[in-house]
Amino acid sequence: MLVLSRKLDESIVIGDNIIVKVIGIENDMVKLGIDAPIDVAIIRNELIEKVKEQNRAALHIVEQSELCELSKLLKK
């Protein structure tokens, strides 16, 4: 991982066409502006992790006993 220090209004360039600029610094928050081509997806990491977690939960293997209990409940 490359670690850089940037001041307000300074930027970095990723590849040939992605610019990340420090737009603001307030309290413990840094605001970044990202200029990238429209076909480049920019997604916050915590959202990706949440989707991964939900996908793992959706893949939960149901035990046979749970299916039997559910079947009994549905028959009532």
C-alpha atoms as a PDB file:
ATOM      1  CA  MET A   1       0.000   0.000   0.000  1.00  0.00           C
ATOM      2  CA  LEU A   2       1.277   3.409  -0.948  1.00  0.00           C
ATOM      3  CA  VAL A   3       0.754   6.018   1.773  1.00  0.00           C
ATOM      4  CA  LEU A   4       0.833   9.707   0.805  1.00  0.00           C
ATOM      5  CA  SER A   5       0.329  12.940   2.671  1.00  0.00           C
ATOM      6  CA  ARG A   6      -1.677  15.646   0.935  1.00  0.00           C
ATOM      7  CA  LYS A   7      -2.731  19.109   2.030  1.00  0.00           C
ATOM      8  CA  LEU A   8      -5.966  20.902   1.216  1.00  0.00           C
ATOM      9  CA  ASP A   9      -6.411  21.344  -2.569  1.00  0.00           C
ATOM     10  CA  GLU A  10      -3.568  18.943  -3.358  1.00  0.00           C
ATOM     11  CA  SER A  11      -4.265  15.867  -5.454  1.00  0.00           C
ATOM     12  CA  ILE A  12      -2.871  12.598  -6.727  1.00  0.00           C
ATOM     13  CA  VAL A  13      -3.263  10.991 -10.135  1.00  0.00           C
ATOM     14  CA  ILE A  14      -4.000   7.286 -10.518  1.00  0.00           C
ATOM     15  CA  GLY A  15      -3.168   5.901 -13.929  1.00  0.00           C
ATOM     16  CA  ASP A  16      -3.765   8.362 -16.726  1.00  0.00           C
ATOM     17  CA  ASN A  17      -7.265   9.511 -15.936  1.00  0.00           C
ATOM     18  CA  ILE A  18      -8.219   9.330 -12.247  1.00  0.00           C
ATOM     19  CA  ILE A  19      -7.593  12.343 -10.026  1.00  0.00           C
ATOM     20  CA  VAL A  20      -8.179  12.297  -6.278  1.00  0.00           C
ATOM     21  CA  LYS A  21      -8.166  15.743  -4.675  1.00  0.00           C
ATOM     22  CA  VAL A  22      -8.401  16.798  -1.020  1.00  0.00           C
ATOM     23  CA  ILE A  23     -11.451  19.074  -1.036  1.00  0.00           C
ATOM     24  CA  GLY A  24     -11.777  19.710   2.681  1.00  0.00           C
ATOM     25  CA  ILE A  25     -10.500  18.794   6.127  1.00  0.00           C
ATOM     26  CA  GLU A  26     -12.877  19.186   9.049  1.00  0.00           C
ATOM     27  CA  ASN A  27     -12.449  17.678  12.526  1.00  0.00           C
ATOM     28  CA  ASP A  28     -11.284  14.114  11.860  1.00  0.00           C
ATOM     29  CA  MET A  29     -12.829  13.928   8.382  1.00  0.00           C
ATOM     30  CA  VAL A  30     -11.171  14.389   5.022  1.00  0.00           C
ATOM     31  CA  LYS A  31     -13.361  15.199   2.002  1.00  0.00           C
ATOM     32  CA  LEU A  32     -12.066  13.790  -1.240  1.00  0.00           C
ATOM     33  CA  GLY A  33     -13.094  14.700  -4.747  1.00  0.00           C
ATOM     34  CA  ILE A  34     -12.635  11.974  -7.341  1.00  0.00           C
ATOM     35  CA  ASP A  35     -12.533  12.739 -11.048  1.00  0.00           C
ATOM     36  CA  ALA A  36     -12.703   9.510 -13.032  1.00  0.00           C
ATOM     37  CA  PRO A  37     -14.199   8.244 -16.285  1.00  0.00           C
ATOM     38  CA  ILE A  38     -17.865   7.285 -16.063  1.00  0.00           C
ATOM     39  CA  ASP A  39     -17.069   3.600 -16.619  1.00  0.00           C
ATOM     40  CA  VAL A  40     -14.932   3.450 -13.451  1.00  0.00           C
ATOM     41  CA  ALA A  41     -16.979   2.264 -10.465  1.00  0.00           C
ATOM     42  CA  ILE A  42     -16.321   4.216  -7.267  1.00  0.00           C
ATOM     43  CA  ILE A  43     -17.848   2.516  -4.240  1.00  0.00           C
ATOM     44  CA  ARG A  44     -17.199   3.036  -0.535  1.00  0.00           C
ATOM     45  CA  ASN A  45     -15.454   0.003   0.951  1.00  0.00           C
ATOM     46  CA  GLU A  46     -17.933  -0.320   3.838  1.00  0.00           C
ATOM     47  CA  LEU A  47     -20.761  -0.790   1.311  1.00  0.00           C
ATOM     48  CA  ILE A  48     -18.846  -3.545  -0.456  1.00  0.00           C
ATOM     49  CA  GLU A  49     -18.207  -5.261   2.878  1.00  0.00           C
ATOM     50  CA  LYS A  50     -21.889  -4.992   3.820  1.00  0.00           C
ATOM     51  CA  VAL A  51     -22.959  -6.612   0.535  1.00  0.00           C
ATOM     52  CA  LYS A  52     -20.397  -9.388   1.027  1.00  0.00           C
ATOM     53  CA  GLU A  53     -21.726  -9.994   4.549  1.00  0.00           C
ATOM     54  CA  GLN A  54     -25.321 -10.107   3.286  1.00  0.00           C
ATOM     55  CA  ASN A  55     -24.317 -12.521   0.531  1.00  0.00           C
ATOM     56  CA  ARG A  56     -22.640 -14.800   3.072  1.00  0.00           C
ATOM     57  CA  ALA A  57     -25.773 -14.697   5.247  1.00  0.00           C
ATOM     58  CA  ALA A  58     -27.938 -15.554   2.233  1.00  0.00           C
ATOM     59  CA  LEU A  59     -25.798 -18.625   1.603  1.00  0.00           C
ATOM     60  CA  HIS A  60     -26.434 -19.912   5.126  1.00  0.00           C
ATOM     61  CA  ILE A  61     -26.891 -23.679   4.938  1.00  0.00           C
ATOM     62  CA  VAL A  62     -30.142 -24.675   6.583  1.00  0.00           C
ATOM     63  CA  GLU A  63     -30.026 -27.706   8.850  1.00  0.00           C
ATOM     64  CA  GLN A  64     -32.485 -30.550   8.231  1.00  0.00           C
ATOM     65  CA  SER A  65     -34.027 -30.011  11.683  1.00  0.00           C
ATOM     66  CA  GLU A  66     -34.713 -26.354  10.828  1.00  0.00           C
ATOM     67  CA  LEU A  67     -36.499 -27.419   7.651  1.00  0.00           C
ATOM     68  CA  CYS A  68     -38.642 -29.887   9.594  1.00  0.00           C
ATOM     69  CA  GLU A  69     -39.610 -27.207  12.116  1.00  0.00           C
ATOM     70  CA  LEU A  70     -40.461 -24.775   9.331  1.00  0.00           C
ATOM     71  CA  SER A  71     -42.521 -27.430   7.584  1.00  0.00           C
ATOM     72  CA  LYS A  72     -44.505 -28.065  10.775  1.00  0.00           C
ATOM     73  CA  LEU A  73     -45.153 -24.346  11.215  1.00  0.00           C
ATOM     74  CA  LEU A  74     -46.365 -23.978   7.647  1.00  0.00           C
ATOM     75  CA  LYS A  75     -48.771 -26.889   8.011  1.00  0.00           C
ATOM     76  CA  LYS A  76     -50.547 -25.241  10.976  1.00  0.00           C
END
